Amino acid sequence: MPLFIQELEVKPEMSIENFIKKFSHFKESSRQLQQQQIRVVGPKHLLYIGQREVGGTCPTDKTVSVLGSEDATTCHIAVMRHTGSGATSMIHFDGCSTAQGLEAMITIVSNLTQNMSSGRLELHLVGGFLDDQLNSHTVSNKILKALCECQHEIHLVTACITHFNTVYKHHNKPFPAIYGVAVNIETGEIFPATFPDKGPDLALRSARHFTGGKDNIIIYDPHMHELTIGPFDYSGMPNLDFFLSLTNRDIRKFLSTSPDQEPEGFEDNVRTTLKWLNDFPEPLKSVFKNGAPRRYVKDPFGAWIAVE
């Protein structure tokens, strides 16, 4: 089934450039989203979605009621919601396995919806900017292609992406207008957000996309109310010792698709991930005992506590 925008069917193979021209109304809705104040979302009831991760739940979930993700420069954050059940999923697209990620979002929502015909699937996209290397364009094009080729009918409601998510500052240099968003699962409200607590195992989770991992990207079990990480394997990065010896300036230069636009703390996060890769080169032996995922449940204050 095709992708729809304002009840119009979107033709396959539409590039982001043609998309921007044909659906210019997204510029105004993007501006309205950008004008909202950035909210600080605490850990209570939050499921944070990292790069190349997907998760979701429904309004009856008493553990998770907000999905959120940030640190998206050339990456895109997507929210899918069924208008009947309210079941919602979120993914942080980075250009890898885009079609598979979209299918994972749909699977989460459909598994939590008793009657899919009672509503429709709506999608919201935020992220990317007019970067010099056109990496954001690549991510946008992959998402549009996957949406047009999807077997499900999807209605695109928000597209604050690439051209529509660009602001100019610091000597007229382009930057993302929005780096992070959250969605209230009960109401469906989407808003710009930042997250002081991104949950457990961040270095391990980052090691997945640093090394090209594609397995077990769904990180939440809405029936058990558990955060689940892995299992997945990765091979060590070439020249790991060299990257560990880099200065912060060179970490930005060599390990980012958009060095000038990365948020504060980027270097520290990368260095922590590189150290993890160095300390745990064989995760299926040292991290995921007996091939089992690392599991967590929330305590009353919102912290994720390991399940032995």
C-alpha atoms as a PDB file:
ATOM      1  CA  MET A   1       0.000   0.000   0.000  1.00  0.00           C
ATOM      2  CA  PRO A   2       1.254   3.529  -0.704  1.00  0.00           C
ATOM      3  CA  LEU A   3       2.329   6.485   1.401  1.00  0.00           C
ATOM      4  CA  PHE A   4      -0.284   9.239   1.776  1.00  0.00           C
ATOM      5  CA  ILE A   5       0.128  12.947   2.508  1.00  0.00           C
ATOM      6  CA  GLN A   6      -3.072  14.951   2.943  1.00  0.00           C
ATOM      7  CA  GLU A   7      -4.943  12.050   1.329  1.00  0.00           C
ATOM      8  CA  LEU A   8      -2.693  12.231  -1.757  1.00  0.00           C
ATOM      9  CA  GLU A   9      -0.739   9.150  -2.775  1.00  0.00           C
ATOM     10  CA  VAL A  10       3.020   9.716  -2.933  1.00  0.00           C
ATOM     11  CA  LYS A  11       4.689   8.222  -5.976  1.00  0.00           C
ATOM     12  CA  PRO A  12       7.625   5.857  -5.436  1.00  0.00           C
ATOM     13  CA  GLU A  13      11.195   7.071  -5.861  1.00  0.00           C
ATOM     14  CA  MET A  14      10.392  10.645  -4.877  1.00  0.00           C
ATOM     15  CA  SER A  15      13.614  12.437  -3.886  1.00  0.00           C
ATOM     16  CA  ILE A  16      13.804  14.747  -0.895  1.00  0.00           C
ATOM     17  CA  GLU A  17      14.248  17.690  -3.273  1.00  0.00           C
ATOM     18  CA  ASN A  18      10.989  16.927  -5.101  1.00  0.00           C
ATOM     19  CA  PHE A  19       9.299  16.132  -1.796  1.00  0.00           C
ATOM     20  CA  ILE A  20      10.157  19.592  -0.426  1.00  0.00           C
ATOM     21  CA  LYS A  21       8.742  21.282  -3.542  1.00  0.00           C
ATOM     22  CA  LYS A  22       5.544  19.238  -3.736  1.00  0.00           C
ATOM     23  CA  PHE A  23       4.692  19.258  -0.030  1.00  0.00           C
ATOM     24  CA  SER A  24       5.752  22.742   0.998  1.00  0.00           C
ATOM     25  CA  HIS A  25       3.029  22.879   3.668  1.00  0.00           C
ATOM     26  CA  PHE A  26       5.369  20.933   5.952  1.00  0.00           C
ATOM     27  CA  LYS A  27       7.470  24.093   6.263  1.00  0.00           C
ATOM     28  CA  GLU A  28       4.788  25.801   8.354  1.00  0.00           C
ATOM     29  CA  SER A  29       4.100  22.805  10.595  1.00  0.00           C
ATOM     30  CA  SER A  30       7.862  22.416  11.075  1.00  0.00           C
ATOM     31  CA  ARG A  31       8.144  26.074  12.070  1.00  0.00           C
ATOM     32  CA  GLN A  32       5.395  25.624  14.652  1.00  0.00           C
ATOM     33  CA  LEU A  33       7.184  22.614  16.129  1.00  0.00           C
ATOM     34  CA  GLN A  34      10.486  24.497  16.254  1.00  0.00           C
ATOM     35  CA  GLN A  35       8.897  27.441  18.060  1.00  0.00           C
ATOM     36  CA  GLN A  36       7.895  25.260  21.003  1.00  0.00           C
ATOM     37  CA  GLN A  37      10.067  25.439  24.078  1.00  0.00           C
ATOM     38  CA  ILE A  38      12.424  22.487  24.497  1.00  0.00           C
ATOM     39  CA  ARG A  39      11.195  20.421  27.444  1.00  0.00           C
ATOM     40  CA  VAL A  40      13.503  18.565  29.807  1.00  0.00           C
ATOM     41  CA  VAL A  41      12.104  15.043  30.190  1.00  0.00           C
ATOM     42  CA  GLY A  42      13.117  13.122  33.293  1.00  0.00           C
ATOM     43  CA  PRO A  43      13.528   9.352  33.551  1.00  0.00           C
ATOM     44  CA  LYS A  44      10.188   8.571  35.169  1.00  0.00           C
ATOM     45  CA  HIS A  45       7.934   6.859  32.606  1.00  0.00           C
ATOM     46  CA  LEU A  46      10.488   7.525  29.835  1.00  0.00           C
ATOM     47  CA  LEU A  47      11.765   5.024  27.287  1.00  0.00           C
ATOM     48  CA  TYR A  48      14.777   6.575  25.579  1.00  0.00           C
ATOM     49  CA  ILE A  49      15.472   5.377  22.043  1.00  0.00           C
ATOM     50  CA  GLY A  50      19.108   5.519  20.938  1.00  0.00           C
ATOM     51  CA  GLN A  51      20.572   5.523  17.449  1.00  0.00           C
ATOM     52  CA  ARG A  52      19.519   2.469  15.435  1.00  0.00           C
ATOM     53  CA  GLU A  53      17.023   1.434  18.130  1.00  0.00           C
ATOM     54  CA  VAL A  54      13.236   1.104  18.091  1.00  0.00           C
ATOM     55  CA  GLY A  55      10.712   0.718  20.867  1.00  0.00           C
ATOM     56  CA  GLY A  56       7.089   1.351  21.650  1.00  0.00           C
ATOM     57  CA  THR A  57       4.044   0.666  23.780  1.00  0.00           C
ATOM     58  CA  CYS A  58       0.389   1.667  24.242  1.00  0.00           C
ATOM     59  CA  PRO A  59      -1.567   4.053  26.512  1.00  0.00           C
ATOM     60  CA  THR A  60      -2.376   1.337  29.069  1.00  0.00           C
ATOM     61  CA  ASP A  61       1.317   0.898  29.914  1.00  0.00           C
ATOM     62  CA  LYS A  62       1.870   2.084  33.504  1.00  0.00           C
ATOM     63  CA  THR A  63       5.669   1.932  33.221  1.00  0.00           C
ATOM     64  CA  VAL A  64       6.344   3.889  30.011  1.00  0.00           C
ATOM     65  CA  SER A  65       4.205   6.815  28.874  1.00  0.00           C
ATOM     66  CA  VAL A  66       6.796   8.868  26.954  1.00  0.00           C
ATOM     67  CA  LEU A  67       9.121   7.876  24.114  1.00  0.00           C
ATOM     68  CA  GLY A  68      12.076  10.120  23.354  1.00  0.00           C
ATOM     69  CA  SER A  69      15.277  10.407  21.376  1.00  0.00           C
ATOM     70  CA  GLU A  70      17.852  13.123  20.693  1.00  0.00           C
ATOM     71  CA  ASP A  71      21.389  13.837  19.407  1.00  0.00           C
ATOM     72  CA  ALA A  72      20.066  13.637  15.845  1.00  0.00           C
ATOM     73  CA  THR A  73      22.152  15.715  13.455  1.00  0.00           C
ATOM     74  CA  THR A  74      21.973  13.928  10.100  1.00  0.00           C
ATOM     75  CA  CYS A  75      19.886  11.130  11.665  1.00  0.00           C
ATOM     76  CA  HIS A  76      16.063  11.224  11.626  1.00  0.00           C
ATOM     77  CA  ILE A  77      13.698  10.384  14.481  1.00  0.00           C
ATOM     78  CA  ALA A  78      10.375   8.821  13.508  1.00  0.00           C
ATOM     79  CA  VAL A  79       7.182   8.360  15.520  1.00  0.00           C
ATOM     80  CA  MET A  80       4.421   6.021  14.367  1.00  0.00           C
ATOM     81  CA  ARG A  81       1.002   5.996  16.042  1.00  0.00           C
ATOM     82  CA  HIS A  82      -2.243   4.152  15.422  1.00  0.00           C
ATOM     83  CA  THR A  83      -5.059   6.659  15.786  1.00  0.00           C
ATOM     84  CA  GLY A  84      -7.490   4.060  17.116  1.00  0.00           C
ATOM     85  CA  SER A  85      -5.498   2.210  19.777  1.00  0.00           C
ATOM     86  CA  GLY A  86      -2.923   4.891  20.524  1.00  0.00           C
ATOM     87  CA  ALA A  87      -0.169   2.295  20.220  1.00  0.00           C
ATOM     88  CA  THR A  88       3.036   4.182  19.427  1.00  0.00           C
ATOM     89  CA  SER A  89       6.581   3.355  18.368  1.00  0.00           C
ATOM     90  CA  MET A  90       9.717   5.410  17.812  1.00  0.00           C
ATOM     91  CA  ILE A  91      12.946   4.808  15.916  1.00  0.00           C
ATOM     92  CA  HIS A  92      16.214   6.707  15.473  1.00  0.00           C
ATOM     93  CA  PHE A  93      17.094   6.215  11.786  1.00  0.00           C
ATOM     94  CA  ASP A  94      20.755   6.560  10.805  1.00  0.00           C
ATOM     95  CA  GLY A  95      20.533   5.373   7.192  1.00  0.00           C
ATOM     96  CA  CYS A  96      21.201   1.704   7.956  1.00  0.00           C
ATOM     97  CA  SER A  97      18.516  -0.999   7.488  1.00  0.00           C
ATOM     98  CA  THR A  98      15.832   1.630   6.997  1.00  0.00           C
ATOM     99  CA  ALA A  99      13.167  -0.698   5.577  1.00  0.00           C
ATOM    100  CA  GLN A 100      13.746  -3.217   8.379  1.00  0.00           C
ATOM    101  CA  GLY A 101      13.466  -0.472  10.967  1.00  0.00           C
ATOM    102  CA  LEU A 102      10.194   0.736   9.497  1.00  0.00           C
ATOM    103  CA  GLU A 103       8.791  -2.791   9.576  1.00  0.00           C
ATOM    104  CA  ALA A 104       9.840  -3.113  13.230  1.00  0.00           C
ATOM    105  CA  MET A 105       7.896   0.061  14.064  1.00  0.00           C
ATOM    106  CA  ILE A 106       4.801  -1.255  12.321  1.00  0.00           C
ATOM    107  CA  THR A 107       5.109  -4.658  14.003  1.00  0.00           C
ATOM    108  CA  ILE A 108       5.211  -3.076  17.461  1.00  0.00           C
ATOM    109  CA  VAL A 109       2.124  -0.959  16.782  1.00  0.00           C
ATOM    110  CA  SER A 110       0.127  -3.724  15.092  1.00  0.00           C
ATOM    111  CA  ASN A 111       0.897  -6.197  17.902  1.00  0.00           C
ATOM    112  CA  LEU A 112      -0.539  -3.706  20.395  1.00  0.00           C
ATOM    113  CA  THR A 113      -3.650  -2.926  18.319  1.00  0.00           C
ATOM    114  CA  GLN A 114      -6.588  -5.322  18.401  1.00  0.00           C
ATOM    115  CA  ASN A 115      -8.311  -3.855  15.347  1.00  0.00           C
ATOM    116  CA  MET A 116      -6.087  -2.095  12.833  1.00  0.00           C
ATOM    117  CA  SER A 117      -9.144  -0.983  10.835  1.00  0.00           C
ATOM    118  CA  SER A 118     -10.331   1.116  13.801  1.00  0.00           C
ATOM    119  CA  GLY A 119      -7.869   3.855  12.851  1.00  0.00           C
ATOM    120  CA  ARG A 120      -4.897   4.590  10.634  1.00  0.00           C
ATOM    121  CA  LEU A 121      -1.116   4.582  10.906  1.00  0.00           C
ATOM    122  CA  GLU A 122       0.270   8.107  11.185  1.00  0.00           C
ATOM    123  CA  LEU A 123       3.956   8.960  10.933  1.00  0.00           C
ATOM    124  CA  HIS A 124       5.956  11.928  12.161  1.00  0.00           C
ATOM    125  CA  LEU A 125       9.541  12.603  11.024  1.00  0.00           C
ATOM    126  CA  VAL A 126      12.030  14.987  12.648  1.00  0.00           C
ATOM    127  CA  GLY A 127      15.739  15.384  11.965  1.00  0.00           C
ATOM    128  CA  GLY A 128      18.500  16.067   9.514  1.00  0.00           C
ATOM    129  CA  PHE A 129      19.555  19.450   8.085  1.00  0.00           C
ATOM    130  CA  LEU A 130      21.209  20.913   5.001  1.00  0.00           C
ATOM    131  CA  ASP A 131      24.651  19.526   5.758  1.00  0.00           C
ATOM    132  CA  ASP A 132      27.529  20.078   3.337  1.00  0.00           C
ATOM    133  CA  GLN A 133      28.056  16.360   2.665  1.00  0.00           C
ATOM    134  CA  LEU A 134      24.330  15.748   2.015  1.00  0.00           C
ATOM    135  CA  ASN A 135      24.244  12.922   4.556  1.00  0.00           C
ATOM    136  CA  SER A 136      20.823  14.114   5.736  1.00  0.00           C
ATOM    137  CA  HIS A 137      19.563  13.944   2.160  1.00  0.00           C
ATOM    138  CA  THR A 138      20.658  10.315   1.995  1.00  0.00           C
ATOM    139  CA  VAL A 139      18.765   9.412   5.177  1.00  0.00           C
ATOM    140  CA  SER A 140      15.647  11.301   4.012  1.00  0.00           C
ATOM    141  CA  ASN A 141      15.702   9.580   0.625  1.00  0.00           C
ATOM    142  CA  LYS A 142      16.050   6.128   2.192  1.00  0.00           C
ATOM    143  CA  ILE A 143      13.107   6.766   4.488  1.00  0.00           C
ATOM    144  CA  LEU A 144      10.906   8.076   1.678  1.00  0.00           C
ATOM    145  CA  LYS A 145      11.789   5.049  -0.452  1.00  0.00           C
ATOM    146  CA  ALA A 146      10.989   2.639   2.381  1.00  0.00           C
ATOM    147  CA  LEU A 147       7.666   4.365   3.051  1.00  0.00           C
ATOM    148  CA  CYS A 148       6.607   4.232  -0.593  1.00  0.00           C
ATOM    149  CA  GLU A 149       7.549   0.551  -0.860  1.00  0.00           C
ATOM    150  CA  CYS A 150       5.950  -0.446   2.445  1.00  0.00           C
ATOM    151  CA  GLN A 151       3.064  -2.929   2.352  1.00  0.00           C
ATOM    152  CA  HIS A 152       1.078  -0.878   4.858  1.00  0.00           C
ATOM    153  CA  GLU A 153      -0.886   2.330   4.315  1.00  0.00           C
ATOM    154  CA  ILE A 154       0.897   5.116   6.172  1.00  0.00           C
ATOM    155  CA  HIS A 155      -0.134   8.759   6.487  1.00  0.00           C
ATOM    156  CA  LEU A 156       2.751  11.206   6.896  1.00  0.00           C
ATOM    157  CA  VAL A 157       1.613  14.016   9.205  1.00  0.00           C
ATOM    158  CA  THR A 158       4.879  15.717  10.197  1.00  0.00           C
ATOM    159  CA  ALA A 159       8.058  16.124   8.122  1.00  0.00           C
ATOM    160  CA  CYS A 160      10.392  18.470   9.979  1.00  0.00           C
ATOM    161  CA  ILE A 161      13.362  17.052   8.082  1.00  0.00           C
ATOM    162  CA  THR A 162      16.478  18.217   6.234  1.00  0.00           C
ATOM    163  CA  HIS A 163      15.429  21.469   4.435  1.00  0.00           C
ATOM    164  CA  PHE A 164      12.612  22.125   6.924  1.00  0.00           C
ATOM    165  CA  ASN A 165      14.815  21.425   9.982  1.00  0.00           C
ATOM    166  CA  THR A 166      17.651  23.839   9.177  1.00  0.00           C
ATOM    167  CA  VAL A 167      18.639  27.059  10.911  1.00  0.00           C
ATOM    168  CA  TYR A 168      21.682  29.201  10.199  1.00  0.00           C
ATOM    169  CA  LYS A 169      24.030  30.532  12.866  1.00  0.00           C
ATOM    170  CA  HIS A 170      27.749  30.972  13.562  1.00  0.00           C
ATOM    171  CA  HIS A 171      28.769  32.749  10.338  1.00  0.00           C
ATOM    172  CA  ASN A 172      25.726  31.463   8.436  1.00  0.00           C
ATOM    173  CA  LYS A 173      26.534  27.801   9.023  1.00  0.00           C
ATOM    174  CA  PRO A 174      23.585  25.347   8.840  1.00  0.00           C
ATOM    175  CA  PHE A 175      22.475  23.518  12.000  1.00  0.00           C
ATOM    176  CA  PRO A 176      19.552  21.258  12.911  1.00  0.00           C
ATOM    177  CA  ALA A 177      16.727  23.317  14.386  1.00  0.00           C
ATOM    178  CA  ILE A 178      15.587  20.339  16.484  1.00  0.00           C
ATOM    179  CA  TYR A 179      17.962  17.702  17.845  1.00  0.00           C
ATOM    180  CA  GLY A 180      15.514  15.683  19.922  1.00  0.00           C
ATOM    181  CA  VAL A 181      11.795  14.996  20.316  1.00  0.00           C
ATOM    182  CA  ALA A 182       9.425  13.160  22.624  1.00  0.00           C
ATOM    183  CA  VAL A 183       5.911  11.812  22.204  1.00  0.00           C
ATOM    184  CA  ASN A 184       3.231  11.498  24.869  1.00  0.00           C
ATOM    185  CA  ILE A 185       1.783   8.060  24.205  1.00  0.00           C
ATOM    186  CA  GLU A 186      -1.626   8.799  25.693  1.00  0.00           C
ATOM    187  CA  THR A 187      -2.277  12.039  23.807  1.00  0.00           C
ATOM    188  CA  GLY A 188      -0.003  11.631  20.787  1.00  0.00           C
ATOM    189  CA  GLU A 189       1.548  15.069  21.413  1.00  0.00           C
ATOM    190  CA  ILE A 190       5.020  15.481  19.889  1.00  0.00           C
ATOM    191  CA  PHE A 191       7.373  18.159  21.212  1.00  0.00           C
ATOM    192  CA  PRO A 192      11.075  19.155  21.166  1.00  0.00           C
ATOM    193  CA  ALA A 193      12.851  17.624  24.140  1.00  0.00           C
ATOM    194  CA  THR A 194      16.136  16.817  25.817  1.00  0.00           C
ATOM    195  CA  PHE A 195      16.854  13.911  28.152  1.00  0.00           C
ATOM    196  CA  PRO A 196      19.390  14.088  31.022  1.00  0.00           C
ATOM    197  CA  ASP A 197      18.985  10.333  31.631  1.00  0.00           C
ATOM    198  CA  LYS A 198      19.173   8.122  28.543  1.00  0.00           C
ATOM    199  CA  GLY A 199      18.987   4.805  30.366  1.00  0.00           C
ATOM    200  CA  PRO A 200      21.428   1.960  30.955  1.00  0.00           C
ATOM    201  CA  ASP A 201      24.185   0.396  28.856  1.00  0.00           C
ATOM    202  CA  LEU A 202      24.724   3.453  26.672  1.00  0.00           C
ATOM    203  CA  ALA A 203      28.254   2.435  25.677  1.00  0.00           C
ATOM    204  CA  LEU A 204      27.075  -1.055  24.728  1.00  0.00           C
ATOM    205  CA  ARG A 205      24.124   0.357  22.787  1.00  0.00           C
ATOM    206  CA  SER A 206      26.408   2.790  20.953  1.00  0.00           C
ATOM    207  CA  ALA A 207      28.828  -0.028  20.168  1.00  0.00           C
ATOM    208  CA  ARG A 208      26.119  -1.557  17.963  1.00  0.00           C
ATOM    209  CA  HIS A 209      25.940   1.314  15.478  1.00  0.00           C
ATOM    210  CA  PHE A 210      29.643   2.087  15.725  1.00  0.00           C
ATOM    211  CA  THR A 211      30.371  -1.378  14.364  1.00  0.00           C
ATOM    212  CA  GLY A 212      27.447  -1.748  11.956  1.00  0.00           C
ATOM    213  CA  GLY A 213      25.286  -4.062  14.072  1.00  0.00           C
ATOM    214  CA  LYS A 214      21.708  -4.676  12.907  1.00  0.00           C
ATOM    215  CA  ASP A 215      20.385  -7.373  15.274  1.00  0.00           C
ATOM    216  CA  ASN A 216      17.750  -7.049  18.019  1.00  0.00           C
ATOM    217  CA  ILE A 217      17.059  -3.345  17.538  1.00  0.00           C
ATOM    218  CA  ILE A 218      13.727  -3.526  19.424  1.00  0.00           C
ATOM    219  CA  ILE A 219      14.669  -2.554  22.982  1.00  0.00           C
ATOM    220  CA  TYR A 220      11.410  -2.704  24.972  1.00  0.00           C
ATOM    221  CA  ASP A 221       8.957  -5.460  25.854  1.00  0.00           C
ATOM    222  CA  PRO A 222       5.617  -3.702  26.486  1.00  0.00           C
ATOM    223  CA  HIS A 223       4.060  -6.835  27.961  1.00  0.00           C
ATOM    224  CA  MET A 224       6.814  -7.527  30.514  1.00  0.00           C
ATOM    225  CA  HIS A 225       7.595  -3.785  30.849  1.00  0.00           C
ATOM    226  CA  GLU A 226      11.278  -4.521  30.442  1.00  0.00           C
ATOM    227  CA  LEU A 227      14.082  -2.722  28.640  1.00  0.00           C
ATOM    228  CA  THR A 228      16.023  -5.399  26.751  1.00  0.00           C
ATOM    229  CA  ILE A 229      19.441  -4.891  25.187  1.00  0.00           C
ATOM    230  CA  GLY A 230      20.753  -7.481  22.745  1.00  0.00           C
ATOM    231  CA  PRO A 231      22.034  -9.989  22.303  1.00  0.00           C
ATOM    232  CA  PHE A 232      24.116  -8.859  19.347  1.00  0.00           C
ATOM    233  CA  ASP A 233      27.646  -9.339  18.172  1.00  0.00           C
ATOM    234  CA  TYR A 234      30.173  -6.883  16.838  1.00  0.00           C
ATOM    235  CA  SER A 235      33.711  -7.019  15.601  1.00  0.00           C
ATOM    236  CA  GLY A 236      36.361  -4.657  16.860  1.00  0.00           C
ATOM    237  CA  MET A 237      36.911  -1.396  15.018  1.00  0.00           C
ATOM    238  CA  PRO A 238      40.075  -1.244  12.901  1.00  0.00           C
ATOM    239  CA  ASN A 239      42.722   1.056  14.347  1.00  0.00           C
ATOM    240  CA  LEU A 240      40.965   1.189  17.716  1.00  0.00           C
ATOM    241  CA  ASP A 241      44.168   2.182  19.537  1.00  0.00           C
ATOM    242  CA  PHE A 242      44.597   5.085  17.132  1.00  0.00           C
ATOM    243  CA  PHE A 243      41.061   6.355  17.695  1.00  0.00           C
ATOM    244  CA  LEU A 244      41.454   6.060  21.476  1.00  0.00           C
ATOM    245  CA  SER A 245      44.508   8.302  21.287  1.00  0.00           C
ATOM    246  CA  LEU A 246      42.738  11.071  19.357  1.00  0.00           C
ATOM    247  CA  THR A 247      42.108  14.521  20.766  1.00  0.00           C
ATOM    248  CA  ASN A 248      38.527  15.707  21.160  1.00  0.00           C
ATOM    249  CA  ARG A 249      38.911  17.866  18.074  1.00  0.00           C
ATOM    250  CA  ASP A 250      40.006  14.900  15.963  1.00  0.00           C
ATOM    251  CA  ILE A 251      37.252  12.659  17.344  1.00  0.00           C
ATOM    252  CA  ARG A 252      34.751  15.156  15.936  1.00  0.00           C
ATOM    253  CA  LYS A 253      36.657  15.356  12.668  1.00  0.00           C
ATOM    254  CA  PHE A 254      36.991  11.628  12.013  1.00  0.00           C
ATOM    255  CA  LEU A 255      33.992  10.059  13.779  1.00  0.00           C
ATOM    256  CA  SER A 256      31.069  12.356  12.969  1.00  0.00           C
ATOM    257  CA  THR A 257      29.030  12.974   9.829  1.00  0.00           C
ATOM    258  CA  SER A 258      28.606  16.603  10.964  1.00  0.00           C
ATOM    259  CA  PRO A 259      31.483  17.653  13.269  1.00  0.00           C
ATOM    260  CA  ASP A 260      30.523  21.298  13.712  1.00  0.00           C
ATOM    261  CA  GLN A 261      26.921  20.500  14.629  1.00  0.00           C
ATOM    262  CA  GLU A 262      27.414  17.723  17.182  1.00  0.00           C
ATOM    263  CA  PRO A 263      25.952  18.497  20.629  1.00  0.00           C
ATOM    264  CA  GLU A 264      28.026  19.019  23.735  1.00  0.00           C
ATOM    265  CA  GLY A 265      29.393  15.784  25.167  1.00  0.00           C
ATOM    266  CA  PHE A 266      29.807  14.061  21.793  1.00  0.00           C
ATOM    267  CA  GLU A 267      33.531  13.422  22.308  1.00  0.00           C
ATOM    268  CA  ASP A 268      33.073  11.962  25.785  1.00  0.00           C
ATOM    269  CA  ASN A 269      30.348   9.620  24.569  1.00  0.00           C
ATOM    270  CA  VAL A 270      32.472   8.430  21.646  1.00  0.00           C
ATOM    271  CA  ARG A 271      35.501   7.890  23.862  1.00  0.00           C
ATOM    272  CA  THR A 272      33.413   5.867  26.334  1.00  0.00           C
ATOM    273  CA  THR A 273      32.109   3.690  23.484  1.00  0.00           C
ATOM    274  CA  LEU A 274      35.607   3.146  22.078  1.00  0.00           C
ATOM    275  CA  LYS A 275      36.812   2.074  25.505  1.00  0.00           C
ATOM    276  CA  TRP A 276      33.870  -0.347  25.752  1.00  0.00           C
ATOM    277  CA  LEU A 277      34.816  -1.893  22.412  1.00  0.00           C
ATOM    278  CA  ASN A 278      38.379  -2.250  23.640  1.00  0.00           C
ATOM    279  CA  ASP A 279      37.356  -3.827  26.956  1.00  0.00           C
ATOM    280  CA  PHE A 280      34.655  -6.158  25.564  1.00  0.00           C
ATOM    281  CA  PRO A 281      35.754  -7.331  22.101  1.00  0.00           C
ATOM    282  CA  GLU A 282      33.559 -10.480  22.160  1.00  0.00           C
ATOM    283  CA  PRO A 283      30.150  -9.464  23.543  1.00  0.00           C
ATOM    284  CA  LEU A 284      28.453 -12.826  23.015  1.00  0.00           C
ATOM    285  CA  LYS A 285      30.991 -14.293  25.455  1.00  0.00           C
ATOM    286  CA  SER A 286      31.570 -11.445  27.879  1.00  0.00           C
ATOM    287  CA  VAL A 287      28.390  -9.331  27.870  1.00  0.00           C
ATOM    288  CA  PHE A 288      25.398 -11.478  26.890  1.00  0.00           C
ATOM    289  CA  LYS A 289      25.735 -14.457  29.185  1.00  0.00           C
ATOM    290  CA  ASN A 290      24.365 -17.660  27.666  1.00  0.00           C
ATOM    291  CA  GLY A 291      23.092 -15.617  24.727  1.00  0.00           C
ATOM    292  CA  ALA A 292      20.526 -13.812  26.876  1.00  0.00           C
ATOM    293  CA  PRO A 293      19.704 -10.092  26.601  1.00  0.00           C
ATOM    294  CA  ARG A 294      20.503  -7.648  29.356  1.00  0.00           C
ATOM    295  CA  ARG A 295      17.152  -6.900  30.999  1.00  0.00           C
ATOM    296  CA  TYR A 296      15.995  -3.962  33.103  1.00  0.00           C
ATOM    297  CA  VAL A 297      12.841  -2.872  34.922  1.00  0.00           C
ATOM    298  CA  LYS A 298      12.014   0.617  36.182  1.00  0.00           C
ATOM    299  CA  ASP A 299      12.034   1.476  39.872  1.00  0.00           C
ATOM    300  CA  PRO A 300       9.467   3.964  41.302  1.00  0.00           C
ATOM    301  CA  PHE A 301      11.792   6.880  40.507  1.00  0.00           C
ATOM    302  CA  GLY A 302      12.278   5.930  36.857  1.00  0.00           C
ATOM    303  CA  ALA A 303      15.721   4.356  37.024  1.00  0.00           C
ATOM    304  CA  TRP A 304      16.255   1.135  35.082  1.00  0.00           C
ATOM    305  CA  ILE A 305      17.336  -1.677  37.457  1.00  0.00           C
ATOM    306  CA  ALA A 306      19.078  -4.781  36.121  1.00  0.00           C
ATOM    307  CA  VAL A 307      17.165  -8.075  36.253  1.00  0.00           C
ATOM    308  CA  GLU A 308      19.459 -10.949  37.159  1.00  0.00           C
END
